[in-house]
Protein backbone atom coordinates (compact mmCIF):
# COMPACT_ATOMS: atom_id res chain seq x y z
CA MET A 1 40.03 -50.63 -45.42
CA PRO A 2 37.47 -51.77 -42.82
CA LYS A 3 38.55 -54.35 -40.29
CA LEU A 4 37.24 -57.76 -41.29
CA ARG A 5 36.20 -60.43 -38.89
CA VAL A 6 36.45 -64.21 -39.25
CA ARG A 7 33.09 -65.80 -38.72
CA GLY A 8 31.64 -69.29 -38.56
CA ARG A 9 29.91 -71.09 -41.39
CA ARG A 10 26.35 -70.23 -40.24
CA GLN A 11 25.22 -73.45 -41.87
CA ALA A 12 21.97 -73.64 -39.93
CA VAL A 13 21.01 -70.11 -40.97
CA ALA A 14 22.01 -70.80 -44.55
CA THR A 15 19.93 -73.97 -44.68
CA ALA A 16 16.88 -72.17 -43.33
CA LEU A 17 17.35 -69.35 -45.82
CA LEU A 18 17.60 -71.77 -48.74
CA ALA A 19 14.51 -73.66 -47.61
CA GLY A 20 12.52 -70.43 -47.32
CA ALA A 21 13.68 -69.17 -50.69
CA CYS A 22 12.87 -72.45 -52.35
CA ALA A 23 9.42 -72.49 -50.77
CA LEU A 24 8.74 -69.09 -52.35
CA LEU A 25 10.28 -69.92 -55.72
CA GLY A 26 9.05 -73.49 -56.00
CA CYS A 27 12.53 -74.90 -56.47
CA SER A 28 14.33 -77.92 -55.08
CA ALA A 29 16.67 -77.38 -52.18
CA THR A 30 19.33 -79.31 -54.03
CA GLY A 31 18.65 -78.15 -57.58
CA GLY A 32 19.34 -74.96 -59.48
CA SER A 33 21.96 -73.64 -61.83
CA GLY A 34 23.78 -71.07 -59.77
CA GLY A 35 27.50 -70.33 -59.66
CA ARG A 36 29.61 -73.41 -59.12
CA GLY A 37 32.49 -72.04 -57.16
CA TYR A 38 35.23 -71.84 -59.73
CA GLY A 39 38.60 -71.32 -58.13
CA VAL A 40 42.14 -71.35 -59.44
CA GLU A 41 44.77 -73.92 -58.75
CA ASP A 42 48.29 -74.22 -60.07
CA PRO A 43 48.85 -77.95 -60.40
CA GLY A 44 52.54 -78.22 -59.66
CA SER A 45 52.89 -75.29 -57.28
CA ASP A 46 51.83 -74.44 -53.77
CA GLY A 47 48.89 -72.46 -55.11
CA ALA A 48 50.52 -69.07 -54.71
CA ARG A 49 50.22 -68.31 -58.43
CA GLY A 50 47.40 -70.15 -60.20
CA SER A 51 47.56 -71.28 -63.80
CA ALA A 52 44.24 -73.08 -64.33
CA VAL A 53 40.61 -72.65 -63.34
CA GLY A 54 38.79 -75.51 -61.68
CA GLN A 55 35.82 -75.96 -59.43
CA GLU A 56 36.60 -76.38 -55.78
CA ASN A 57 34.94 -79.18 -53.83
CA GLY A 58 35.36 -81.60 -56.71
CA GLY A 59 33.31 -79.47 -59.10
CA SER A 60 30.04 -80.48 -57.47
CA GLY A 61 28.61 -77.00 -57.39
CA GLU A 62 27.19 -77.66 -53.93
CA PRO A 63 26.97 -74.79 -51.41
CA ASP A 64 29.78 -74.45 -48.92
CA GLY A 65 29.09 -76.19 -45.65
CA ALA A 66 30.44 -78.11 -42.72
CA GLY A 67 30.35 -81.32 -44.72
CA GLU A 68 33.20 -80.30 -47.00
CA ALA A 69 36.48 -82.04 -46.47
CA ASP A 70 40.09 -81.05 -46.86
CA ASP A 71 42.71 -83.19 -48.59
CA ALA A 72 43.16 -85.25 -45.42
CA GLY A 73 39.46 -86.13 -45.29
CA GLY A 74 38.54 -83.83 -42.40
CA PRO A 75 36.40 -80.66 -42.42
CA ASP A 76 37.92 -77.79 -44.37
CA ASP A 77 38.08 -74.94 -41.89
CA ARG A 78 39.92 -72.49 -44.10
CA PRO A 79 38.15 -69.14 -44.50
CA LEU A 80 35.79 -69.02 -47.49
CA VAL A 81 36.30 -66.09 -49.86
CA LEU A 82 33.45 -65.57 -52.31
CA THR A 83 33.94 -63.43 -55.43
CA THR A 84 31.37 -62.16 -57.90
CA PHE A 85 33.06 -63.55 -61.03
CA THR A 86 35.84 -65.86 -62.11
CA VAL A 87 38.50 -63.23 -62.86
CA LEU A 88 38.37 -61.99 -59.27
CA ALA A 89 38.42 -65.59 -58.03
CA ASP A 90 41.69 -66.19 -59.87
CA MET A 91 43.24 -63.06 -58.41
CA ALA A 92 42.14 -63.98 -54.89
CA ARG A 93 43.49 -67.50 -55.28
CA ASN A 94 46.89 -66.17 -56.32
CA VAL A 95 47.12 -63.95 -53.25
CA GLY A 96 45.52 -66.43 -50.86
CA GLY A 97 47.58 -69.44 -51.82
CA GLY A 98 46.50 -72.47 -49.82
CA HIS A 99 45.31 -70.53 -46.79
CA VAL A 100 41.80 -69.74 -48.07
CA ARG A 101 39.13 -71.36 -50.20
CA VAL A 102 37.97 -69.21 -53.11
CA GLU A 103 34.68 -69.59 -54.97
CA SER A 104 32.97 -67.50 -57.65
CA VAL A 105 29.26 -66.75 -57.48
CA THR A 106 29.02 -66.85 -61.28
CA ASP A 107 30.16 -69.65 -63.55
CA VAL A 108 32.69 -69.55 -66.35
CA GLY A 109 31.06 -67.86 -69.35
CA ALA A 110 28.37 -66.06 -67.34
CA GLU A 111 27.16 -62.61 -68.36
CA ILE A 112 28.09 -60.70 -65.24
CA HIS A 113 26.16 -57.42 -65.54
CA GLY A 114 22.60 -58.72 -65.33
CA TYR A 115 23.17 -61.96 -63.43
CA GLU A 116 20.34 -63.04 -61.12
CA PRO A 117 21.50 -64.71 -57.86
CA THR A 118 19.94 -68.09 -57.06
CA PRO A 119 18.95 -69.50 -53.68
CA GLU A 120 22.14 -71.59 -53.79
CA ASP A 121 24.15 -68.39 -54.25
CA LEU A 122 22.53 -66.91 -51.16
CA THR A 123 23.36 -70.03 -49.19
CA ARG A 124 27.01 -69.88 -50.19
CA GLY A 125 27.01 -66.19 -49.32
CA GLN A 126 25.84 -66.99 -45.81
CA GLY A 127 28.71 -69.43 -45.47
CA ALA A 128 31.32 -66.94 -46.63
CA ASP A 129 33.82 -65.15 -44.43
CA LEU A 130 34.50 -62.49 -47.03
CA VAL A 131 32.86 -61.34 -50.28
CA LEU A 132 34.89 -59.54 -52.96
CA ASP A 133 33.18 -57.53 -55.70
CA ASN A 134 34.44 -55.31 -58.49
CA GLY A 135 32.32 -52.24 -57.85
CA LEU A 136 32.02 -49.32 -60.29
CA GLY A 137 28.49 -50.47 -61.12
CA LEU A 138 29.59 -53.75 -62.75
CA GLU A 139 27.46 -56.13 -60.69
CA ALA A 140 23.98 -54.62 -60.97
CA TRP A 141 22.70 -57.50 -58.84
CA PHE A 142 25.16 -57.17 -55.96
CA ASP A 143 23.02 -55.08 -53.59
CA GLN A 144 20.23 -57.63 -53.97
CA PHE A 145 22.69 -60.42 -53.23
CA MET A 146 24.19 -58.75 -50.15
CA ALA A 147 20.77 -57.84 -48.75
CA ASP A 148 20.39 -61.49 -47.76
CA VAL A 149 24.05 -62.14 -46.94
CA ASP A 150 25.67 -61.36 -43.60
CA ALA A 151 29.32 -61.25 -44.61
CA GLU A 152 32.02 -58.62 -44.77
CA HIS A 153 32.77 -57.39 -48.27
CA VAL A 154 35.51 -55.40 -49.98
CA VAL A 155 35.29 -53.48 -53.27
CA LEU A 156 38.42 -54.33 -55.23
CA SER A 157 38.35 -51.26 -57.48
CA GLU A 158 38.60 -48.98 -54.43
CA GLY A 159 41.36 -46.41 -54.92
CA LEU A 160 41.29 -46.40 -58.73
CA VAL A 161 40.57 -43.34 -60.85
CA PRO A 162 37.63 -44.54 -63.00
CA ILE A 163 37.19 -43.76 -66.69
CA PRO A 164 33.80 -42.25 -67.61
CA ILE A 165 31.70 -43.98 -70.23
CA ALA A 166 31.79 -41.91 -73.42
CA GLY A 167 28.65 -39.83 -73.73
CA ARG A 168 27.55 -40.75 -70.20
CA GLU A 169 29.65 -38.60 -67.91
CA ASP A 170 27.54 -39.62 -64.91
CA ALA A 171 28.54 -43.28 -65.35
CA THR A 172 31.93 -44.97 -65.09
CA ASN A 173 33.37 -47.87 -67.04
CA PRO A 174 33.64 -50.79 -64.60
CA HIS A 175 36.15 -52.97 -66.51
CA ALA A 176 39.24 -51.63 -64.77
CA TRP A 177 40.87 -55.06 -64.40
CA MET A 178 41.50 -55.03 -68.16
CA SER A 179 44.45 -52.77 -67.35
CA PRO A 180 47.32 -54.69 -65.71
CA SER A 181 48.25 -51.47 -63.91
CA ALA A 182 44.78 -51.26 -62.41
CA GLY A 183 44.97 -54.99 -61.70
CA ARG A 184 47.80 -54.30 -59.29
CA VAL A 185 45.43 -52.09 -57.27
CA TYR A 186 43.01 -55.01 -57.11
CA VAL A 187 45.86 -57.18 -55.79
CA GLU A 188 46.75 -54.65 -53.10
CA ASN A 189 43.14 -54.55 -51.96
CA ILE A 190 42.98 -58.36 -51.85
CA VAL A 191 46.17 -58.49 -49.78
CA ASP A 192 44.73 -55.99 -47.28
CA ALA A 193 41.41 -57.85 -47.11
CA LEU A 194 43.01 -61.24 -46.48
CA ARG A 195 45.41 -59.87 -43.89
CA ASP A 196 42.43 -58.44 -41.98
CA LEU A 197 40.53 -61.69 -42.38
CA ASP A 198 43.39 -63.99 -41.41
CA PRO A 199 46.22 -62.11 -39.64
CA ALA A 200 48.09 -65.34 -38.89
CA HIS A 201 49.11 -65.60 -42.55
CA ALA A 202 49.57 -61.89 -43.24
CA GLU A 203 53.20 -62.28 -44.33
CA ASP A 204 52.29 -64.98 -46.84
CA TYR A 205 49.54 -62.84 -48.35
CA ALA A 206 51.91 -59.90 -48.68
CA ALA A 207 54.59 -62.05 -50.34
CA ASN A 208 52.08 -63.64 -52.71
CA GLY A 209 50.76 -60.20 -53.58
CA ARG A 210 54.23 -58.87 -54.39
CA ALA A 211 55.02 -61.85 -56.61
CA TYR A 212 51.70 -61.59 -58.42
CA ALA A 213 52.05 -57.83 -58.90
CA ALA A 214 55.46 -58.43 -60.48
CA GLU A 215 53.88 -60.86 -62.95
CA LEU A 216 51.22 -58.29 -63.78
CA GLU A 217 53.90 -55.71 -64.48
CA GLU A 218 55.61 -58.12 -66.87
CA VAL A 219 52.30 -58.67 -68.65
CA ARG A 220 51.72 -54.90 -68.83
CA GLN A 221 55.10 -54.32 -70.42
CA GLY A 222 54.56 -57.12 -72.93
CA LEU A 223 51.04 -55.97 -73.76
CA VAL A 224 52.06 -52.34 -74.34
CA ALA A 225 55.06 -53.44 -76.43
CA ALA A 226 52.94 -55.78 -78.57
CA LEU A 227 50.16 -53.28 -79.18
CA GLY A 228 52.76 -50.56 -79.74
CA THR A 229 53.81 -52.32 -82.95
CA LEU A 230 50.52 -51.41 -84.63
CA PRO A 231 50.69 -48.68 -87.29
CA ALA A 232 48.92 -45.43 -86.45
CA GLU A 233 46.12 -46.00 -88.97
CA HIS A 234 45.26 -49.35 -87.40
CA ARG A 235 45.20 -48.26 -83.77
CA VAL A 236 41.39 -48.44 -83.46
CA LEU A 237 39.91 -51.22 -81.36
CA VAL A 238 36.36 -52.05 -82.48
CA THR A 239 34.47 -54.32 -80.08
CA CYS A 240 30.90 -55.26 -79.23
CA GLU A 241 30.89 -53.77 -75.73
CA GLY A 242 32.94 -50.79 -74.63
CA ALA A 243 34.86 -52.88 -72.12
CA PHE A 244 38.38 -51.95 -73.17
CA SER A 245 38.75 -48.32 -72.10
CA TYR A 246 41.40 -49.10 -69.48
CA LEU A 247 43.40 -51.36 -71.78
CA ALA A 248 43.09 -48.83 -74.62
CA ARG A 249 44.37 -46.10 -72.31
CA ASP A 250 47.43 -48.18 -71.38
CA ALA A 251 48.21 -49.09 -74.98
CA GLY A 252 47.34 -45.81 -76.71
CA LEU A 253 44.43 -47.24 -78.73
CA GLN A 254 41.25 -45.51 -79.86
CA GLU A 255 37.90 -47.22 -79.24
CA ALA A 256 34.71 -47.88 -81.14
CA TYR A 257 31.96 -50.22 -79.98
CA LEU A 258 28.38 -51.27 -80.59
CA TRP A 259 27.15 -50.48 -77.09
CA PRO A 260 28.84 -48.79 -74.12
CA VAL A 261 28.56 -51.05 -71.07
CA ASN A 262 26.03 -53.72 -70.10
CA ALA A 263 25.54 -56.63 -72.47
CA GLU A 264 21.80 -56.62 -71.76
CA ARG A 265 21.54 -53.54 -73.99
CA GLN A 266 21.83 -54.91 -77.48
CA SER A 267 23.03 -52.69 -80.28
CA THR A 268 20.55 -50.62 -82.29
CA PRO A 269 20.61 -50.17 -86.08
CA ARG A 270 21.91 -46.62 -85.53
CA GLN A 271 24.79 -47.89 -83.38
CA VAL A 272 25.69 -50.56 -85.93
CA ALA A 273 25.60 -47.98 -88.72
CA ALA A 274 27.88 -45.63 -86.76
CA VAL A 275 30.45 -48.39 -86.23
CA ILE A 276 30.26 -49.37 -89.89
CA ASP A 277 30.99 -45.75 -90.84
CA ARG A 278 33.95 -45.61 -88.43
CA VAL A 279 35.45 -48.84 -89.76
CA ARG A 280 35.14 -47.62 -93.33
CA GLU A 281 36.49 -44.13 -92.62
CA ASP A 282 39.54 -45.39 -90.74
CA ASP A 283 39.98 -48.49 -92.88
CA VAL A 284 40.01 -50.60 -89.70
CA PRO A 285 41.25 -54.06 -90.74
CA ALA A 286 39.54 -56.14 -88.06
CA VAL A 287 36.71 -56.06 -85.51
CA PHE A 288 36.20 -58.16 -82.39
CA CYS A 289 33.59 -59.32 -79.88
CA GLU A 290 33.62 -60.59 -76.31
CA SER A 291 33.06 -64.17 -75.24
CA THR A 292 29.98 -63.53 -73.10
CA VAL A 293 27.85 -61.69 -75.70
CA ASN A 294 26.33 -62.44 -79.11
CA ALA A 295 28.65 -61.55 -81.98
CA ASP A 296 25.99 -61.37 -84.73
CA ALA A 297 25.94 -57.57 -84.93
CA GLN A 298 29.73 -57.42 -85.15
CA LEU A 299 29.72 -60.06 -87.87
CA GLN A 300 27.33 -57.78 -89.74
CA VAL A 301 29.84 -54.92 -89.38
CA ALA A 302 32.56 -57.15 -90.82
CA ALA A 303 30.37 -58.23 -93.73
CA GLU A 304 29.34 -54.65 -94.57
CA THR A 305 32.85 -53.19 -94.42
CA GLY A 306 35.08 -56.01 -95.59
CA ALA A 307 36.95 -55.97 -92.28
CA ARG A 308 38.03 -59.30 -90.82
CA TYR A 309 36.32 -60.70 -87.78
CA GLY A 310 39.46 -60.77 -85.66
CA GLY A 311 38.25 -63.22 -83.05
CA THR A 312 36.93 -63.53 -79.53
CA LEU A 313 38.19 -61.39 -76.67
CA TYR A 314 37.71 -62.26 -73.00
CA VAL A 315 36.70 -59.70 -70.40
CA ASP A 316 34.13 -60.73 -67.80
CA SER A 317 34.94 -64.42 -67.55
CA LEU A 318 37.81 -66.85 -67.69
CA SER A 319 37.54 -70.04 -69.73
CA GLN A 320 37.50 -73.63 -68.56
CA PRO A 321 40.97 -75.04 -67.69
CA GLU A 322 41.44 -76.45 -71.19
CA GLY A 323 40.36 -73.17 -72.82
CA PRO A 324 42.43 -70.21 -73.98
CA VAL A 325 42.22 -68.08 -70.80
CA PRO A 326 42.17 -70.23 -67.66
CA THR A 327 43.77 -67.40 -65.63
CA TYR A 328 43.63 -63.62 -65.46
CA LEU A 329 47.20 -63.34 -66.76
CA ASP A 330 46.29 -65.62 -69.66
CA LEU A 331 43.26 -63.43 -70.40
CA LEU A 332 45.40 -60.31 -70.75
CA ARG A 333 48.00 -62.05 -72.91
CA HIS A 334 45.36 -63.70 -75.10
CA ASP A 335 43.49 -60.46 -75.78
CA ALA A 336 46.68 -58.60 -76.67
CA ALA A 337 47.72 -61.37 -79.08
CA VAL A 338 44.29 -61.55 -80.74
CA ILE A 339 44.13 -57.77 -81.16
CA VAL A 340 47.62 -57.52 -82.66
CA ALA A 341 47.03 -60.47 -85.01
CA GLY A 342 43.68 -59.09 -86.13
CA LEU A 343 44.85 -55.55 -86.77
CA THR A 344 48.13 -56.53 -88.47
CA GLY A 345 46.88 -59.55 -90.41
CA LYS A 346 49.73 -61.62 -89.03
CA GLU A 347 49.37 -65.06 -87.53
CA ARG A 348 49.33 -65.26 -83.76
CA PRO A 349 52.65 -66.48 -82.34
């Protein structure tokens, strides 16, 4: 783990960068639709373990800068940790507690693979003390983003054994966080990154990490137990994108999907036909799709085979606070419950 350094806000540089980018793109320096800095807060706790997603800075979506204020009305000098998507933001918030500010480059519901950073994103990147990304080829846009950002960054999947994408042995499946066991590796990497960033609170980060890892282990045990109730003939998980390899490995499920990885690559008639054949051959009772992609092709599979459309699964994004998966732990529990209900025909508890 490289040694991280705490740096200033670089607001003047960020402002100049935004102005230059906007001059080239013809945009307004205050406009745009970039990521809005979703973080995770646990209303009723000290922030060590979040239970809801909300936008920091009052949900304004404005870039981080010296004008932000803390709860007492003064400048917020806590280190800024920027993540590439909302799941990682939730994890970082749980480990960081109240000692850091956490923002996500992408909004809730964003398609993460082919995202295009905005000038506002670049400005927030220049104000960051640390950038956390998933790695494993998930964020195809990340090199472009970091080319204009002078901040330390840590790859949270570092240390994991990746699963190859079926039929593409030269490529790895990037959705490792869908395994609670792998999620614990992410937590360890976040703890190390924050301790290097902010040594004064190293003990707090370590304690938060241990508590969060214990919660992940409880979720893993519950998930495996719930999915373990499925009969052998129904242990096939059919999804739109092949984003569940790590979860399927943990739970002993087989996979079928309309496209491997990258929601930009829509399914072809041949892929749809292959999934239809698999559902018919194995008498799969239900099929599913992810929240960030179009479910039309999977609905076609359901109509052609008589399988149920089992519901929406969450992978690349959390929901809004009032939605079904405001936290990473909620995401794992929700997906397990939807899968079990769909494949058994029983009502969700």
